[in-house]
C-alpha atoms as a PDB file:
ATOM      1  CA  MET A   1      86.391  88.938 108.465  1.00  0.00           C
ATOM      2  CA  TYR A   2      88.808  91.845 108.180  1.00  0.00           C
ATOM      3  CA  GLU A   3      91.649  89.839 109.677  1.00  0.00           C
ATOM      4  CA  GLN A   4      91.512  87.369 106.792  1.00  0.00           C
ATOM      5  CA  HIS A   5      91.369  90.234 104.279  1.00  0.00           C
ATOM      6  CA  ILE A   6      94.463  91.808 105.880  1.00  0.00           C
ATOM      7  CA  ARG A   7      96.371  88.512 105.757  1.00  0.00           C
ATOM      8  CA  ASP A   8      95.370  87.814 102.163  1.00  0.00           C
ATOM      9  CA  LYS A   9      96.069  91.362 101.031  1.00  0.00           C
ATOM     10  CA  ILE A  10      99.580  91.457 102.468  1.00  0.00           C
ATOM     11  CA  ALA A  11     100.375  88.080 100.924  1.00  0.00           C
ATOM     12  CA  SER A  12      99.038  89.134  97.518  1.00  0.00           C
ATOM     13  CA  LEU A  13     100.898  92.458  97.616  1.00  0.00           C
ATOM     14  CA  CYS A  14     104.131  90.572  98.212  1.00  0.00           C
ATOM     15  CA  ILE A  15     103.404  88.209  95.327  1.00  0.00           C
ATOM     16  CA  GLU A  16     102.268  90.964  92.941  1.00  0.00           C
ATOM     17  CA  ASN A  17     105.351  93.040  93.704  1.00  0.00           C
ATOM     18  CA  ASP A  18     107.765  90.099  93.730  1.00  0.00           C
ATOM     19  CA  ILE A  19     109.045  90.688  97.254  1.00  0.00           C
ATOM     20  CA  ALA A  20     109.580  87.871  99.694  1.00  0.00           C
ATOM     21  CA  GLU A  21     107.720  88.098 102.981  1.00  0.00           C
ATOM     22  CA  SER A  22     111.054  87.692 104.755  1.00  0.00           C
ATOM     23  CA  LYS A  23     112.534  90.674 102.884  1.00  0.00           C
ATOM     24  CA  LEU A  24     109.539  92.868 103.730  1.00  0.00           C
ATOM     25  CA  SER A  25     109.901  91.780 107.365  1.00  0.00           C
ATOM     26  CA  LYS A  26     113.551  92.874 107.384  1.00  0.00           C
ATOM     27  CA  LEU A  27     112.706  96.207 105.720  1.00  0.00           C
ATOM     28  CA  MET A  28     110.236  96.806 108.541  1.00  0.00           C
ATOM     29  CA  GLY A  29     112.926  96.112 111.141  1.00  0.00           C
ATOM     30  CA  HIS A  30     111.620  92.719 112.233  1.00  0.00           C
ATOM     31  CA  SER A  31     112.791  89.126 112.096  1.00  0.00           C
ATOM     32  CA  ASP A  32     112.504  87.194 108.822  1.00  0.00           C
ATOM     33  CA  SER A  33     109.306  85.502 110.010  1.00  0.00           C
ATOM     34  CA  TYR A  34     107.328  88.620 111.048  1.00  0.00           C
ATOM     35  CA  ILE A  35     105.191  88.958 107.894  1.00  0.00           C
ATOM     36  CA  ARG A  36     104.798  85.179 107.628  1.00  0.00           C
ATOM     37  CA  GLY A  37     103.383  85.217 111.148  1.00  0.00           C
ATOM     38  CA  ILE A  38     100.795  87.757 110.027  1.00  0.00           C
ATOM     39  CA  THR A  39      99.851  86.098 106.732  1.00  0.00           C
ATOM     40  CA  SER A  40      99.533  82.720 108.455  1.00  0.00           C
ATOM     41  CA  GLY A  41      97.224  84.119 111.133  1.00  0.00           C
ATOM     42  CA  ARG A  42      99.576  83.545 114.078  1.00  0.00           C
ATOM     43  CA  ASN A  43     100.014  87.294 114.662  1.00  0.00           C
ATOM     44  CA  MET A  44      98.060  90.476 113.962  1.00  0.00           C
ATOM     45  CA  ILE A  45      99.661  93.544 112.470  1.00  0.00           C
ATOM     46  CA  SER A  46      99.608  96.901 114.253  1.00  0.00           C
ATOM     47  CA  LEU A  47      98.081  99.959 112.647  1.00  0.00           C
ATOM     48  CA  GLY A  48     101.489 101.608 112.330  1.00  0.00           C
ATOM     49  CA  GLU A  49     102.928  98.590 110.558  1.00  0.00           C
ATOM     50  CA  LEU A  50      99.910  98.376 108.266  1.00  0.00           C
ATOM     51  CA  LEU A  51     100.380 102.015 107.309  1.00  0.00           C
ATOM     52  CA  TYR A  52     104.058 101.303 106.613  1.00  0.00           C
ATOM     53  CA  ILE A  53     103.050  98.486 104.263  1.00  0.00           C
ATOM     54  CA  CYS A  54     100.618 100.785 102.459  1.00  0.00           C
ATOM     55  CA  GLU A  55     103.351 103.381 102.049  1.00  0.00           C
ATOM     56  CA  TYR A  56     105.868 100.773 100.892  1.00  0.00           C
ATOM     57  CA  PHE A  57     103.522  99.510  98.184  1.00  0.00           C
ATOM     58  CA  HIS A  58     102.384 103.046  97.271  1.00  0.00           C
ATOM     59  CA  ILE A  59      98.727 102.468  98.112  1.00  0.00           C
ATOM     60  CA  THR A  60      96.358 104.257 100.449  1.00  0.00           C
ATOM     61  CA  PRO A  61      94.692 102.466 103.362  1.00  0.00           C
ATOM     62  CA  ASP A  62      91.443 102.844 101.400  1.00  0.00           C
ATOM     63  CA  GLU A  63      92.984 100.967  98.477  1.00  0.00           C
ATOM     64  CA  PHE A  64      94.288  98.317 100.868  1.00  0.00           C
ATOM     65  CA  PHE A  65      90.831  97.603 102.235  1.00  0.00           C
ATOM     66  CA  ARG A  66      88.876  97.978  98.988  1.00  0.00           C
ATOM     67  CA  ARG A  67      87.740  94.601  97.811  1.00  0.00           C
ATOM     68  CA  ASP A  68      87.147  95.786  94.247  1.00  0.00           C
ATOM     69  CA  ARG A  69      90.883  96.284  93.686  1.00  0.00           C
ATOM     70  CA  ASN A  70      91.009  92.865  92.009  1.00  0.00           C
ATOM     71  CA  LEU A  71      88.476  93.934  89.402  1.00  0.00           C
ATOM     72  CA  PRO A  72      89.691  94.619  85.878  1.00  0.00           C
ATOM     73  CA  LEU A  73      90.859  98.199  85.381  1.00  0.00           C
ATOM     74  CA  VAL A  74      87.887  99.086  83.170  1.00  0.00           C
ATOM     75  CA  LYS A  75      85.425  98.125  85.911  1.00  0.00           C
ATOM     76  CA  ARG A  76      87.388 100.005  88.590  1.00  0.00           C
ATOM     77  CA  ASN A  77      87.403 103.102  86.373  1.00  0.00           C
ATOM     78  CA  ILE A  78      83.650 102.835  85.845  1.00  0.00           C
ATOM     79  CA  ILE A  79      83.097 102.635  89.600  1.00  0.00           C
ATOM     80  CA  GLU A  80      85.266 105.702  90.189  1.00  0.00           C
ATOM     81  CA  ASP A  81      83.419 107.610  87.460  1.00  0.00           C
ATOM     82  CA  ILE A  82      80.026 106.729  88.939  1.00  0.00           C
ATOM     83  CA  VAL A  83      81.117 107.813  92.412  1.00  0.00           C
ATOM     84  CA  ALA A  84      82.028 111.245  90.992  1.00  0.00           C
ATOM     85  CA  LEU A  85      78.598 111.727  89.374  1.00  0.00           C
ATOM     86  CA  PRO A  86      75.659 113.562  90.892  1.00  0.00           C
ATOM     87  CA  VAL A  87      73.203 111.184  92.610  1.00  0.00           C
ATOM     88  CA  GLU A  88      70.548 111.618  89.895  1.00  0.00           C
ATOM     89  CA  ASP A  89      72.997 110.516  87.188  1.00  0.00           C
ATOM     90  CA  ALA A  90      74.189 107.554  89.261  1.00  0.00           C
ATOM     91  CA  GLU A  91      70.546 106.511  89.724  1.00  0.00           C
ATOM     92  CA  ALA A  92      70.029 106.671  85.950  1.00  0.00           C
ATOM     93  CA  ILE A  93      73.047 104.435  85.434  1.00  0.00           C
ATOM     94  CA  ALA A  94      71.732 102.020  88.078  1.00  0.00           C
ATOM     95  CA  LYS A  95      68.444 101.760  86.155  1.00  0.00           C
ATOM     96  CA  LEU A  96      70.343 101.129  82.914  1.00  0.00           C
ATOM     97  CA  ILE A  97      72.358  98.366  84.572  1.00  0.00           C
ATOM     98  CA  GLU A  98      69.195  96.741  85.923  1.00  0.00           C
ATOM     99  CA  ARG A  99      67.680  96.841  82.419  1.00  0.00           C
ATOM    100  CA  LEU A 100      70.798  95.262  80.906  1.00  0.00           C
ATOM    101  CA  LYS A 101      70.863  92.541  83.564  1.00  0.00           C
ATOM    102  CA  ALA A 102      67.200  91.752  82.928  1.00  0.00           C
ATOM    103  CA  LYS A 103      67.931  91.285  79.214  1.00  0.00           C
ATOM    104  CA  GLN A 104      70.605  88.720  80.046  1.00  0.00           C
ATOM    105  CA  GLU A 105      68.221  86.571  82.087  1.00  0.00           C
END
């Protein structure tokens, strides 16, 4: 489960940042095919190398593993705002969301 996420995430980071997998491999001190081996599933990345990739792309490991990163910015901001709220307020928002979803059905 996480292995596929890691492969997909590295591939998408390369695409989003317009860097070839072979170039990232070289920057990491490996052969041209190192990242391709990871994204294809032939090899697994080490923790140290994964942390290097996070640093290179200016993201935290938490951001790397968060699946909501592909959400639109407005939704990500809402999630962050809810996380910062006291539990009682978050529960009130949850009830509001349930009410809004029920209206749509």
